[in-house]
Amino acid sequence: MKTVDARGMLCPQPVIMTKKEADSGEKEITVIVDNDTAKSNVLKFGNKLNFKTNSEEREDGIYVHLNKEECVECEVIIAEAGEESEIRNKKQNKGYVIGGDKLGKGDDNLGRVLMKSFLYTVSEKKPYPDFMIFLNSGVRLTTEGSESLDDLKKLEEGNVKIVSCGTCLDFFEIKSKLAVGSVSNMYDIVDLISESDNAVMI
């Protein structure tokens, strides 16, 4: 078993450190982190790689356990994932990366109006993008009080993958107010962009 001490590490370091051990062939990995965001990111990463995962809180940190040897259903999961990946690769994968809650530079009020108009237009125009990534102040658009929530929920119902940067939500202290989509981390965001045929920065 390999132990990875990722306490004090910022996103996406805990995931990258875990990936390094997984890539080396480790079947049992324990990752020690010191916050819930890192725990969630490592658990999500472990599940993505078909490890059996669990976590426990101790006085000196949160211990996240990844064990592939115990995951008896992994072969089935891997086969299904391979089929899904093959289907996904047959079509183009396009999406938007939204780095702020305003569109364009200049007047802030105008920028907010333009962003609202942009998201509304995206929700009315098909085919929909495959994903939308929200970074920095852009995460405000996916949280309570956003004037674009109805449009984003419509897109999500249309199978658009909507993700918001967890570090950004924490920075603005609004993670508990997330109202559409899911919380993601920089590792998964880079993965999503890398696998895309066309990621447009807004």
N, C-alpha and C. Protein backbone atom coordinates (compact mmCIF):
# COMPACT_ATOMS: atom_id res chain seq x y z
N MET A 1 0.84 -1.20 0.00
CA MET A 1 0.00 0.00 0.00
C MET A 1 0.87 1.25 0.00
N LYS A 2 0.46 2.24 -0.79
CA LYS A 2 1.20 3.50 -0.88
C LYS A 2 0.42 4.60 -0.16
N THR A 3 1.11 5.39 0.66
CA THR A 3 0.49 6.51 1.35
C THR A 3 0.98 7.81 0.74
N VAL A 4 0.03 8.67 0.41
CA VAL A 4 0.34 9.98 -0.18
C VAL A 4 -0.11 11.06 0.80
N ASP A 5 0.82 11.86 1.25
CA ASP A 5 0.50 12.94 2.18
C ASP A 5 0.29 14.23 1.39
N ALA A 6 -0.98 14.60 1.20
CA ALA A 6 -1.32 15.78 0.40
C ALA A 6 -1.89 16.90 1.27
N ARG A 7 -1.62 16.84 2.56
CA ARG A 7 -2.10 17.90 3.45
C ARG A 7 -1.41 19.22 3.11
N GLY A 8 -2.20 20.29 3.06
CA GLY A 8 -1.65 21.61 2.75
C GLY A 8 -1.49 21.88 1.26
N MET A 9 -1.82 20.90 0.43
CA MET A 9 -1.68 21.06 -1.02
C MET A 9 -2.95 21.67 -1.61
N LEU A 10 -2.76 22.60 -2.56
CA LEU A 10 -3.88 23.23 -3.22
C LEU A 10 -4.30 22.42 -4.45
N CYS A 11 -5.56 22.55 -4.84
CA CYS A 11 -6.06 21.93 -6.07
C CYS A 11 -5.24 22.40 -7.26
N PRO A 12 -4.81 21.48 -8.17
CA PRO A 12 -5.18 20.06 -8.24
C PRO A 12 -4.08 19.12 -7.72
N GLN A 13 -3.18 19.61 -6.86
CA GLN A 13 -2.04 18.81 -6.42
C GLN A 13 -2.41 17.46 -5.80
N PRO A 14 -3.41 17.39 -4.90
CA PRO A 14 -3.74 16.07 -4.33
C PRO A 14 -4.10 15.04 -5.40
N VAL A 15 -4.84 15.48 -6.42
CA VAL A 15 -5.24 14.57 -7.49
C VAL A 15 -4.02 14.17 -8.33
N ILE A 16 -3.17 15.12 -8.63
CA ILE A 16 -1.98 14.83 -9.44
C ILE A 16 -1.05 13.86 -8.71
N MET A 17 -0.89 14.06 -7.40
CA MET A 17 -0.05 13.16 -6.61
C MET A 17 -0.65 11.74 -6.58
N THR A 18 -1.98 11.68 -6.50
CA THR A 18 -2.66 10.38 -6.52
C THR A 18 -2.50 9.71 -7.88
N LYS A 19 -2.65 10.49 -8.93
CA LYS A 19 -2.53 9.95 -10.29
C LYS A 19 -1.14 9.37 -10.53
N LYS A 20 -0.13 10.03 -10.00
CA LYS A 20 1.24 9.55 -10.18
C LYS A 20 1.39 8.14 -9.63
N GLU A 21 0.80 7.89 -8.45
CA GLU A 21 0.90 6.56 -7.86
C GLU A 21 0.06 5.55 -8.62
N ALA A 22 -1.13 5.99 -9.07
CA ALA A 22 -2.00 5.09 -9.83
C ALA A 22 -1.33 4.70 -11.15
N ASP A 23 -0.68 5.67 -11.79
CA ASP A 23 0.00 5.40 -13.07
C ASP A 23 1.17 4.44 -12.90
N SER A 24 1.74 4.42 -11.70
CA SER A 24 2.88 3.53 -11.46
C SER A 24 2.43 2.10 -11.20
N GLY A 25 1.12 1.90 -11.13
CA GLY A 25 0.59 0.55 -10.95
C GLY A 25 0.14 0.21 -9.55
N GLU A 26 0.15 1.19 -8.65
CA GLU A 26 -0.29 0.94 -7.27
C GLU A 26 -1.77 0.53 -7.25
N LYS A 27 -2.09 -0.54 -6.53
CA LYS A 27 -3.46 -1.02 -6.42
C LYS A 27 -4.14 -0.53 -5.14
N GLU A 28 -3.33 -0.20 -4.13
CA GLU A 28 -3.86 0.31 -2.86
C GLU A 28 -3.18 1.63 -2.53
N ILE A 29 -3.96 2.69 -2.45
CA ILE A 29 -3.40 4.01 -2.18
C ILE A 29 -4.22 4.69 -1.08
N THR A 30 -3.53 5.24 -0.09
CA THR A 30 -4.19 6.05 0.93
C THR A 30 -3.68 7.48 0.78
N VAL A 31 -4.60 8.39 0.58
CA VAL A 31 -4.26 9.79 0.40
C VAL A 31 -4.74 10.57 1.62
N ILE A 32 -3.82 11.30 2.27
CA ILE A 32 -4.18 12.09 3.45
C ILE A 32 -4.34 13.54 3.02
N VAL A 33 -5.53 14.10 3.26
CA VAL A 33 -5.80 15.49 2.92
C VAL A 33 -6.33 16.20 4.16
N ASP A 34 -6.50 17.52 4.04
CA ASP A 34 -6.93 18.28 5.23
C ASP A 34 -8.15 19.15 4.99
N ASN A 35 -8.90 18.88 3.90
CA ASN A 35 -10.12 19.64 3.66
C ASN A 35 -11.09 18.82 2.81
N ASP A 36 -12.37 19.16 2.91
CA ASP A 36 -13.41 18.39 2.23
C ASP A 36 -13.33 18.48 0.71
N THR A 37 -12.87 19.63 0.21
CA THR A 37 -12.77 19.78 -1.24
C THR A 37 -11.75 18.81 -1.81
N ALA A 38 -10.58 18.72 -1.17
CA ALA A 38 -9.55 17.78 -1.61
C ALA A 38 -10.05 16.35 -1.49
N LYS A 39 -10.74 16.04 -0.40
CA LYS A 39 -11.30 14.70 -0.22
C LYS A 39 -12.24 14.35 -1.37
N SER A 40 -13.14 15.27 -1.68
CA SER A 40 -14.10 15.05 -2.76
C SER A 40 -13.40 14.85 -4.10
N ASN A 41 -12.37 15.65 -4.36
CA ASN A 41 -11.65 15.55 -5.63
C ASN A 41 -10.93 14.21 -5.77
N VAL A 42 -10.30 13.74 -4.68
CA VAL A 42 -9.57 12.47 -4.74
C VAL A 42 -10.55 11.31 -4.87
N LEU A 43 -11.67 11.37 -4.15
CA LEU A 43 -12.69 10.32 -4.27
C LEU A 43 -13.22 10.24 -5.69
N LYS A 44 -13.51 11.40 -6.27
CA LYS A 44 -14.02 11.44 -7.64
C LYS A 44 -13.00 10.87 -8.62
N PHE A 45 -11.73 11.23 -8.40
CA PHE A 45 -10.67 10.72 -9.27
C PHE A 45 -10.54 9.20 -9.14
N GLY A 46 -10.59 8.71 -7.90
CA GLY A 46 -10.50 7.28 -7.68
C GLY A 46 -11.63 6.52 -8.34
N ASN A 47 -12.84 7.06 -8.24
CA ASN A 47 -13.99 6.42 -8.88
C ASN A 47 -13.84 6.41 -10.39
N LYS A 48 -13.28 7.50 -10.91
CA LYS A 48 -13.08 7.60 -12.36
C LYS A 48 -12.11 6.53 -12.85
N LEU A 49 -11.12 6.18 -12.02
CA LEU A 49 -10.14 5.15 -12.38
C LEU A 49 -10.57 3.76 -11.92
N ASN A 50 -11.83 3.66 -11.46
CA ASN A 50 -12.41 2.37 -11.08
C ASN A 50 -11.79 1.74 -9.84
N PHE A 51 -11.33 2.59 -8.90
CA PHE A 51 -10.93 2.10 -7.59
C PHE A 51 -12.17 2.02 -6.70
N LYS A 52 -12.15 1.10 -5.76
CA LYS A 52 -13.15 1.12 -4.69
C LYS A 52 -12.67 2.18 -3.71
N THR A 53 -13.54 3.10 -3.32
CA THR A 53 -13.10 4.23 -2.51
C THR A 53 -13.91 4.37 -1.22
N ASN A 54 -13.24 4.92 -0.20
CA ASN A 54 -13.91 5.31 1.04
C ASN A 54 -13.00 6.28 1.77
N SER A 55 -13.54 6.94 2.76
CA SER A 55 -12.73 7.91 3.50
C SER A 55 -13.08 7.87 4.98
N GLU A 56 -12.15 8.33 5.80
CA GLU A 56 -12.37 8.41 7.24
C GLU A 56 -11.65 9.63 7.79
N GLU A 57 -12.27 10.26 8.77
CA GLU A 57 -11.67 11.43 9.40
C GLU A 57 -10.94 11.03 10.67
N ARG A 58 -9.68 11.46 10.77
CA ARG A 58 -8.88 11.22 11.96
C ARG A 58 -8.41 12.57 12.50
N GLU A 59 -7.77 12.52 13.64
CA GLU A 59 -7.32 13.77 14.26
C GLU A 59 -6.30 14.51 13.40
N ASP A 60 -5.49 13.75 12.66
CA ASP A 60 -4.42 14.39 11.89
C ASP A 60 -4.77 14.60 10.41
N GLY A 61 -6.03 14.33 10.03
CA GLY A 61 -6.41 14.57 8.65
C GLY A 61 -7.52 13.65 8.18
N ILE A 62 -7.87 13.79 6.91
CA ILE A 62 -8.88 12.95 6.28
C ILE A 62 -8.15 11.90 5.43
N TYR A 63 -8.41 10.64 5.71
CA TYR A 63 -7.74 9.55 5.01
C TYR A 63 -8.67 9.01 3.91
N VAL A 64 -8.23 9.14 2.68
CA VAL A 64 -9.01 8.64 1.54
C VAL A 64 -8.35 7.36 1.05
N HIS A 65 -9.11 6.27 1.05
CA HIS A 65 -8.57 4.96 0.67
C HIS A 65 -9.05 4.57 -0.72
N LEU A 66 -8.10 4.19 -1.57
CA LEU A 66 -8.41 3.72 -2.91
C LEU A 66 -7.86 2.30 -3.04
N ASN A 67 -8.72 1.38 -3.42
CA ASN A 67 -8.30 -0.02 -3.51
C ASN A 67 -8.89 -0.66 -4.76
N LYS A 68 -8.03 -0.99 -5.72
CA LYS A 68 -8.51 -1.60 -6.96
C LYS A 68 -8.66 -3.11 -6.80
N GLU A 69 -7.89 -3.73 -5.90
CA GLU A 69 -7.96 -5.18 -5.72
C GLU A 69 -9.31 -5.60 -5.14
N GLU A 70 -9.92 -4.73 -4.35
CA GLU A 70 -11.20 -5.06 -3.74
C GLU A 70 -12.38 -4.78 -4.67
N CYS A 71 -12.12 -4.10 -5.77
CA CYS A 71 -13.19 -3.68 -6.67
C CYS A 71 -13.50 -4.81 -7.65
N VAL A 72 -14.28 -5.80 -7.21
CA VAL A 72 -14.54 -6.98 -8.02
C VAL A 72 -15.36 -6.68 -9.26
N GLU A 73 -16.11 -5.55 -9.23
CA GLU A 73 -16.95 -5.22 -10.38
C GLU A 73 -16.22 -4.33 -11.38
N CYS A 74 -14.92 -4.07 -11.15
CA CYS A 74 -14.18 -3.13 -11.98
C CYS A 74 -14.11 -3.53 -13.45
N GLU A 75 -13.99 -4.84 -13.74
CA GLU A 75 -13.87 -5.26 -15.13
C GLU A 75 -15.12 -4.88 -15.92
N VAL A 76 -16.28 -5.03 -15.29
CA VAL A 76 -17.52 -4.65 -15.94
C VAL A 76 -17.58 -3.15 -16.15
N ILE A 77 -17.18 -2.39 -15.11
CA ILE A 77 -17.19 -0.93 -15.19
C ILE A 77 -16.27 -0.45 -16.28
N ILE A 78 -15.06 -1.04 -16.35
CA ILE A 78 -14.08 -0.64 -17.37
C ILE A 78 -14.62 -0.92 -18.76
N ALA A 79 -15.27 -2.08 -18.94
CA ALA A 79 -15.82 -2.43 -20.25
C ALA A 79 -16.90 -1.44 -20.66
N GLU A 80 -17.80 -1.11 -19.70
CA GLU A 80 -18.87 -0.15 -20.00
C GLU A 80 -18.31 1.22 -20.31
N ALA A 81 -17.28 1.62 -19.55
CA ALA A 81 -16.66 2.93 -19.77
C ALA A 81 -16.01 2.98 -21.15
N GLY A 82 -15.42 1.85 -21.56
CA GLY A 82 -14.79 1.80 -22.89
C GLY A 82 -15.82 1.96 -23.99
N GLU A 83 -16.99 1.35 -23.81
CA GLU A 83 -18.06 1.47 -24.80
C GLU A 83 -18.56 2.90 -24.87
N GLU A 84 -18.74 3.53 -23.70
CA GLU A 84 -19.20 4.92 -23.66
C GLU A 84 -18.19 5.84 -24.32
N SER A 85 -16.89 5.58 -24.06
CA SER A 85 -15.84 6.41 -24.64
C SER A 85 -15.82 6.29 -26.16
N GLU A 86 -16.05 5.07 -26.65
CA GLU A 86 -16.04 4.85 -28.10
C GLU A 86 -17.19 5.61 -28.76
N ILE A 87 -18.36 5.57 -28.12
CA ILE A 87 -19.51 6.30 -28.65
C ILE A 87 -19.24 7.79 -28.63
N ARG A 88 -18.65 8.28 -27.51
CA ARG A 88 -18.38 9.70 -27.36
C ARG A 88 -17.37 10.19 -28.38
N ASN A 89 -16.40 9.36 -28.69
CA ASN A 89 -15.35 9.76 -29.63
C ASN A 89 -15.83 9.83 -31.07
N LYS A 90 -17.00 9.25 -31.36
CA LYS A 90 -17.52 9.28 -32.71
C LYS A 90 -18.12 10.63 -33.06
N LYS A 91 -18.46 11.43 -32.05
CA LYS A 91 -19.00 12.75 -32.32
C LYS A 91 -18.06 13.82 -31.79
N GLN A 92 -18.20 15.02 -32.33
CA GLN A 92 -17.36 16.11 -31.87
C GLN A 92 -17.80 16.54 -30.47
N ASN A 93 -16.85 17.00 -29.70
CA ASN A 93 -17.12 17.40 -28.33
C ASN A 93 -16.78 18.88 -28.21
N LYS A 94 -17.81 19.72 -28.10
CA LYS A 94 -17.60 21.17 -28.10
C LYS A 94 -18.20 21.79 -26.85
N GLY A 95 -17.62 22.90 -26.42
CA GLY A 95 -18.17 23.57 -25.25
C GLY A 95 -17.57 24.94 -25.02
N TYR A 96 -18.04 25.58 -23.96
CA TYR A 96 -17.61 26.93 -23.61
C TYR A 96 -16.91 26.94 -22.26
N VAL A 97 -15.87 27.75 -22.15
CA VAL A 97 -15.20 28.00 -20.88
C VAL A 97 -15.48 29.46 -20.53
N ILE A 98 -16.24 29.66 -19.46
CA ILE A 98 -16.68 31.01 -19.11
C ILE A 98 -15.89 31.49 -17.89
N GLY A 99 -15.03 32.48 -18.11
CA GLY A 99 -14.09 32.91 -17.08
C GLY A 99 -14.51 34.10 -16.27
N GLY A 100 -15.75 34.57 -16.41
CA GLY A 100 -16.21 35.72 -15.63
C GLY A 100 -17.71 35.86 -15.72
N ASP A 101 -18.27 36.73 -14.89
CA ASP A 101 -19.72 36.93 -14.91
C ASP A 101 -20.14 38.07 -15.84
N LYS A 102 -19.16 38.61 -16.59
CA LYS A 102 -19.43 39.69 -17.55
C LYS A 102 -18.84 39.30 -18.90
N LEU A 103 -19.47 39.77 -19.97
CA LEU A 103 -18.99 39.47 -21.32
C LEU A 103 -18.36 40.71 -21.93
N GLY A 104 -17.10 40.59 -22.34
CA GLY A 104 -16.40 41.71 -22.94
C GLY A 104 -15.79 42.64 -21.90
N LYS A 105 -15.02 43.61 -22.38
CA LYS A 105 -14.37 44.58 -21.51
C LYS A 105 -14.96 45.97 -21.74
N GLY A 106 -15.02 46.73 -20.65
CA GLY A 106 -15.60 48.07 -20.74
C GLY A 106 -16.50 48.32 -19.56
N ASP A 107 -17.75 48.61 -19.83
CA ASP A 107 -18.71 48.89 -18.76
C ASP A 107 -19.19 47.58 -18.11
N ASP A 108 -19.08 47.49 -16.79
CA ASP A 108 -19.45 46.26 -16.10
C ASP A 108 -20.94 45.94 -16.23
N ASN A 109 -21.78 46.96 -16.13
CA ASN A 109 -23.23 46.73 -16.23
C ASN A 109 -23.59 46.20 -17.61
N LEU A 110 -22.99 46.77 -18.63
CA LEU A 110 -23.22 46.28 -19.99
C LEU A 110 -22.70 44.85 -20.12
N GLY A 111 -21.54 44.58 -19.51
CA GLY A 111 -20.97 43.23 -19.58
C GLY A 111 -21.89 42.18 -18.98
N ARG A 112 -22.58 42.52 -17.89
CA ARG A 112 -23.51 41.58 -17.26
C ARG A 112 -24.73 41.35 -18.16
N VAL A 113 -25.21 42.42 -18.77
CA VAL A 113 -26.35 42.30 -19.69
C VAL A 113 -25.99 41.41 -20.87
N LEU A 114 -24.79 41.61 -21.40
CA LEU A 114 -24.34 40.82 -22.55
C LEU A 114 -24.18 39.35 -22.18
N MET A 115 -23.66 39.07 -20.98
CA MET A 115 -23.49 37.68 -20.56
C MET A 115 -24.85 37.01 -20.40
N LYS A 116 -25.79 37.71 -19.80
CA LYS A 116 -27.15 37.16 -19.65
C LYS A 116 -27.74 36.86 -21.02
N SER A 117 -27.55 37.77 -21.95
CA SER A 117 -28.07 37.59 -23.31
C SER A 117 -27.38 36.42 -24.00
N PHE A 118 -26.08 36.29 -23.79
CA PHE A 118 -25.32 35.19 -24.40
C PHE A 118 -25.84 33.84 -23.92
N LEU A 119 -25.99 33.68 -22.61
CA LEU A 119 -26.44 32.40 -22.05
C LEU A 119 -27.86 32.07 -22.49
N TYR A 120 -28.69 33.10 -22.56
CA TYR A 120 -30.07 32.89 -23.04
C TYR A 120 -30.05 32.39 -24.48
N THR A 121 -29.22 33.03 -25.31
CA THR A 121 -29.13 32.66 -26.72
C THR A 121 -28.63 31.23 -26.88
N VAL A 122 -27.63 30.85 -26.08
CA VAL A 122 -27.12 29.47 -26.13
C VAL A 122 -28.23 28.48 -25.79
N SER A 123 -29.06 28.83 -24.81
CA SER A 123 -30.13 27.93 -24.39
C SER A 123 -31.25 27.81 -25.43
N GLU A 124 -31.31 28.77 -26.36
CA GLU A 124 -32.35 28.78 -27.38
C GLU A 124 -31.87 28.24 -28.72
N LYS A 125 -30.56 28.03 -28.84
CA LYS A 125 -30.00 27.64 -30.13
C LYS A 125 -29.47 26.20 -30.08
N LYS A 126 -29.94 25.37 -30.98
CA LYS A 126 -29.46 23.99 -31.04
C LYS A 126 -28.68 23.78 -32.33
N PRO A 127 -27.71 22.85 -32.31
CA PRO A 127 -27.44 21.90 -31.22
C PRO A 127 -26.75 22.57 -30.04
N TYR A 128 -27.03 22.06 -28.84
CA TYR A 128 -26.41 22.58 -27.63
C TYR A 128 -24.93 22.20 -27.59
N PRO A 129 -24.14 22.96 -26.83
CA PRO A 129 -22.75 22.54 -26.59
C PRO A 129 -22.76 21.29 -25.71
N ASP A 130 -21.64 20.58 -25.67
CA ASP A 130 -21.55 19.39 -24.83
C ASP A 130 -21.26 19.74 -23.37
N PHE A 131 -20.57 20.86 -23.16
CA PHE A 131 -20.22 21.23 -21.79
C PHE A 131 -20.09 22.75 -21.67
N MET A 132 -20.19 23.21 -20.42
CA MET A 132 -19.94 24.61 -20.07
C MET A 132 -19.17 24.61 -18.76
N ILE A 133 -18.00 25.24 -18.77
CA ILE A 133 -17.13 25.30 -17.59
C ILE A 133 -17.13 26.73 -17.06
N PHE A 134 -17.35 26.90 -15.77
CA PHE A 134 -17.39 28.23 -15.17
C PHE A 134 -16.22 28.40 -14.20
N LEU A 135 -15.42 29.45 -14.45
CA LEU A 135 -14.22 29.73 -13.66
C LEU A 135 -14.27 31.14 -13.08
N ASN A 136 -13.43 31.39 -12.07
CA ASN A 136 -13.31 32.71 -11.46
C ASN A 136 -14.70 33.26 -11.13
N SER A 137 -14.98 34.54 -11.42
CA SER A 137 -16.28 35.10 -11.07
C SER A 137 -17.41 34.51 -11.91
N GLY A 138 -17.06 33.73 -12.93
CA GLY A 138 -18.09 33.07 -13.72
C GLY A 138 -18.93 32.11 -12.91
N VAL A 139 -18.39 31.61 -11.79
CA VAL A 139 -19.15 30.67 -10.96
C VAL A 139 -20.38 31.34 -10.33
N ARG A 140 -20.37 32.66 -10.28
CA ARG A 140 -21.55 33.36 -9.74
C ARG A 140 -22.78 33.11 -10.61
N LEU A 141 -22.55 32.79 -11.86
CA LEU A 141 -23.66 32.55 -12.79
C LEU A 141 -24.38 31.24 -12.50
N THR A 142 -23.74 30.33 -11.78
CA THR A 142 -24.33 29.02 -11.49
C THR A 142 -24.88 28.93 -10.07
N THR A 143 -24.86 30.05 -9.34
CA THR A 143 -25.28 30.02 -7.94
C THR A 143 -26.58 30.80 -7.72
N GLU A 144 -27.14 30.63 -6.54
CA GLU A 144 -28.39 31.29 -6.19
C GLU A 144 -28.30 32.80 -6.45
N GLY A 145 -29.36 33.36 -7.02
CA GLY A 145 -29.41 34.78 -7.30
C GLY A 145 -29.00 35.13 -8.72
N SER A 146 -28.43 34.18 -9.45
CA SER A 146 -28.04 34.43 -10.83
C SER A 146 -29.27 34.58 -11.71
N GLU A 147 -29.26 35.58 -12.58
CA GLU A 147 -30.38 35.79 -13.49
C GLU A 147 -30.37 34.80 -14.65
N SER A 148 -29.33 33.98 -14.72
CA SER A 148 -29.21 33.01 -15.82
C SER A 148 -29.52 31.58 -15.40
N LEU A 149 -30.00 31.39 -14.18
CA LEU A 149 -30.22 30.03 -13.69
C LEU A 149 -31.21 29.25 -14.55
N ASP A 150 -32.32 29.89 -14.95
CA ASP A 150 -33.32 29.18 -15.75
C ASP A 150 -32.72 28.71 -17.07
N ASP A 151 -31.90 29.57 -17.69
CA ASP A 151 -31.29 29.20 -18.96
C ASP A 151 -30.30 28.05 -18.77
N LEU A 152 -29.52 28.11 -17.69
CA LEU A 152 -28.54 27.06 -17.44
C LEU A 152 -29.21 25.74 -17.06
N LYS A 153 -30.30 25.81 -16.33
CA LYS A 153 -31.03 24.59 -15.98
C LYS A 153 -31.65 23.96 -17.22
N LYS A 154 -32.09 24.80 -18.13
CA LYS A 154 -32.63 24.30 -19.39
C LYS A 154 -31.54 23.56 -20.18
N LEU A 155 -30.35 24.14 -20.20
CA LEU A 155 -29.23 23.50 -20.88
C LEU A 155 -28.86 22.18 -20.21
N GLU A 156 -28.84 22.17 -18.87
CA GLU A 156 -28.51 20.94 -18.15
C GLU A 156 -29.54 19.86 -18.46
N GLU A 157 -30.81 20.23 -18.53
CA GLU A 157 -31.85 19.27 -18.88
C GLU A 157 -31.67 18.75 -20.30
N GLY A 158 -30.98 19.54 -21.13
CA GLY A 158 -30.68 19.13 -22.49
C GLY A 158 -29.37 18.37 -22.59
N ASN A 159 -28.89 17.85 -21.46
CA ASN A 159 -27.67 17.02 -21.39
C ASN A 159 -26.37 17.79 -21.60
N VAL A 160 -26.38 19.09 -21.32
CA VAL A 160 -25.15 19.86 -21.33
C VAL A 160 -24.48 19.67 -19.97
N LYS A 161 -23.21 19.28 -19.97
CA LYS A 161 -22.46 19.10 -18.72
C LYS A 161 -22.03 20.47 -18.21
N ILE A 162 -22.53 20.87 -17.05
CA ILE A 162 -22.21 22.17 -16.47
C ILE A 162 -21.39 21.96 -15.21
N VAL A 163 -20.18 22.52 -15.19
CA VAL A 163 -19.31 22.37 -14.03
C VAL A 163 -18.76 23.72 -13.58
N SER A 164 -18.62 23.87 -12.28
CA SER A 164 -18.06 25.09 -11.70
C SER A 164 -16.81 24.75 -10.90
N CYS A 165 -15.80 25.57 -11.02
CA CYS A 165 -14.53 25.39 -10.32
C CYS A 165 -14.73 25.45 -8.80
N GLY A 166 -14.35 24.37 -8.12
CA GLY A 166 -14.52 24.31 -6.67
C GLY A 166 -13.67 25.33 -5.93
N THR A 167 -12.44 25.55 -6.40
CA THR A 167 -11.56 26.54 -5.78
C THR A 167 -12.17 27.94 -5.89
N CYS A 168 -12.79 28.21 -7.03
CA CYS A 168 -13.41 29.52 -7.25
C CYS A 168 -14.63 29.71 -6.34
N LEU A 169 -15.44 28.66 -6.22
CA LEU A 169 -16.61 28.73 -5.34
C LEU A 169 -16.17 28.96 -3.90
N ASP A 170 -15.09 28.28 -3.50
CA ASP A 170 -14.56 28.47 -2.14
C ASP A 170 -14.04 29.89 -1.95
N PHE A 171 -13.35 30.41 -2.96
CA PHE A 171 -12.77 31.76 -2.87
C PHE A 171 -13.85 32.81 -2.63
N PHE A 172 -14.96 32.68 -3.35
CA PHE A 172 -16.05 33.64 -3.20
C PHE A 172 -17.02 33.24 -2.09
N GLU A 173 -16.74 32.10 -1.43
CA GLU A 173 -17.54 31.60 -0.31
C GLU A 173 -19.00 31.40 -0.71
N ILE A 174 -19.22 30.76 -1.87
CA ILE A 174 -20.58 30.55 -2.37
C ILE A 174 -20.82 29.09 -2.78
N LYS A 175 -19.96 28.17 -2.33
CA LYS A 175 -20.14 26.77 -2.74
C LYS A 175 -21.50 26.23 -2.30
N SER A 176 -21.95 26.63 -1.12
CA SER A 176 -23.22 26.13 -0.61
C SER A 176 -24.41 26.69 -1.40
N LYS A 177 -24.16 27.68 -2.23
CA LYS A 177 -25.23 28.30 -3.01
C LYS A 177 -25.29 27.81 -4.45
N LEU A 178 -24.46 26.82 -4.78
CA LEU A 178 -24.49 26.29 -6.14
C LEU A 178 -25.90 25.78 -6.46
N ALA A 179 -26.45 26.22 -7.59
CA ALA A 179 -27.84 25.91 -7.91
C ALA A 179 -28.02 25.12 -9.20
N VAL A 180 -26.96 24.97 -9.97
CA VAL A 180 -27.05 24.20 -11.20
C VAL A 180 -25.68 23.60 -11.52
N GLY A 181 -25.68 22.40 -12.06
CA GLY A 181 -24.41 21.75 -12.40
C GLY A 181 -23.72 21.16 -11.18
N SER A 182 -22.44 20.87 -11.33
CA SER A 182 -21.68 20.22 -10.27
C SER A 182 -20.37 20.95 -10.00
N VAL A 183 -19.79 20.65 -8.85
CA VAL A 183 -18.49 21.22 -8.46
C VAL A 183 -17.40 20.37 -9.10
N SER A 184 -16.41 21.01 -9.70
CA SER A 184 -15.32 20.28 -10.32
C SER A 184 -13.98 20.80 -9.80
N ASN A 185 -12.91 20.20 -10.28
CA ASN A 185 -11.57 20.63 -9.88
C ASN A 185 -10.73 20.85 -11.13
N MET A 186 -9.58 21.48 -10.98
CA MET A 186 -8.78 21.86 -12.13
C MET A 186 -8.31 20.66 -12.94
N TYR A 187 -8.04 19.54 -12.28
CA TYR A 187 -7.60 18.36 -13.02
C TYR A 187 -8.69 17.90 -13.99
N ASP A 188 -9.93 17.78 -13.48
CA ASP A 188 -11.03 17.33 -14.33
C ASP A 188 -11.37 18.36 -15.40
N ILE A 189 -11.23 19.65 -15.06
CA ILE A 189 -11.49 20.71 -16.03
C ILE A 189 -10.50 20.63 -17.19
N VAL A 190 -9.23 20.44 -16.86
CA VAL A 190 -8.21 20.31 -17.91
C VAL A 190 -8.49 19.07 -18.76
N ASP A 191 -8.90 17.98 -18.11
CA ASP A 191 -9.26 16.76 -18.83
C ASP A 191 -10.38 17.03 -19.82
N LEU A 192 -11.41 17.73 -19.35
CA LEU A 192 -12.57 18.02 -20.19
C LEU A 192 -12.18 18.86 -21.40
N ILE A 193 -11.34 19.86 -21.18
CA ILE A 193 -10.90 20.72 -22.28
C ILE A 193 -10.00 19.95 -23.23
N SER A 194 -9.09 19.13 -22.68
CA SER A 194 -8.15 18.37 -23.51
C SER A 194 -8.86 17.38 -24.42
N GLU A 195 -9.95 16.81 -23.93
CA GLU A 195 -10.69 15.82 -24.71
C GLU A 195 -11.65 16.46 -25.69
N SER A 196 -11.74 17.79 -25.65
CA SER A 196 -12.69 18.50 -26.51
C SER A 196 -12.09 18.78 -27.88
N ASP A 197 -12.94 18.79 -28.88
CA ASP A 197 -12.52 19.17 -30.23
C ASP A 197 -12.51 20.69 -30.38
N ASN A 198 -13.32 21.35 -29.54
CA ASN A 198 -13.44 22.81 -29.68
C ASN A 198 -13.94 23.41 -28.38
N ALA A 199 -13.04 23.94 -27.58
CA ALA A 199 -13.40 24.62 -26.33
C ALA A 199 -13.20 26.12 -26.53
N VAL A 200 -14.28 26.87 -26.45
CA VAL A 200 -14.24 28.31 -26.72
C VAL A 200 -14.22 29.08 -25.41
N MET A 201 -13.21 29.94 -25.24
CA MET A 201 -13.10 30.76 -24.03
C MET A 201 -13.94 32.02 -24.18
N ILE A 202 -14.83 32.23 -23.22
CA ILE A 202 -15.70 33.41 -23.25
C ILE A 202 -15.27 34.41 -22.19
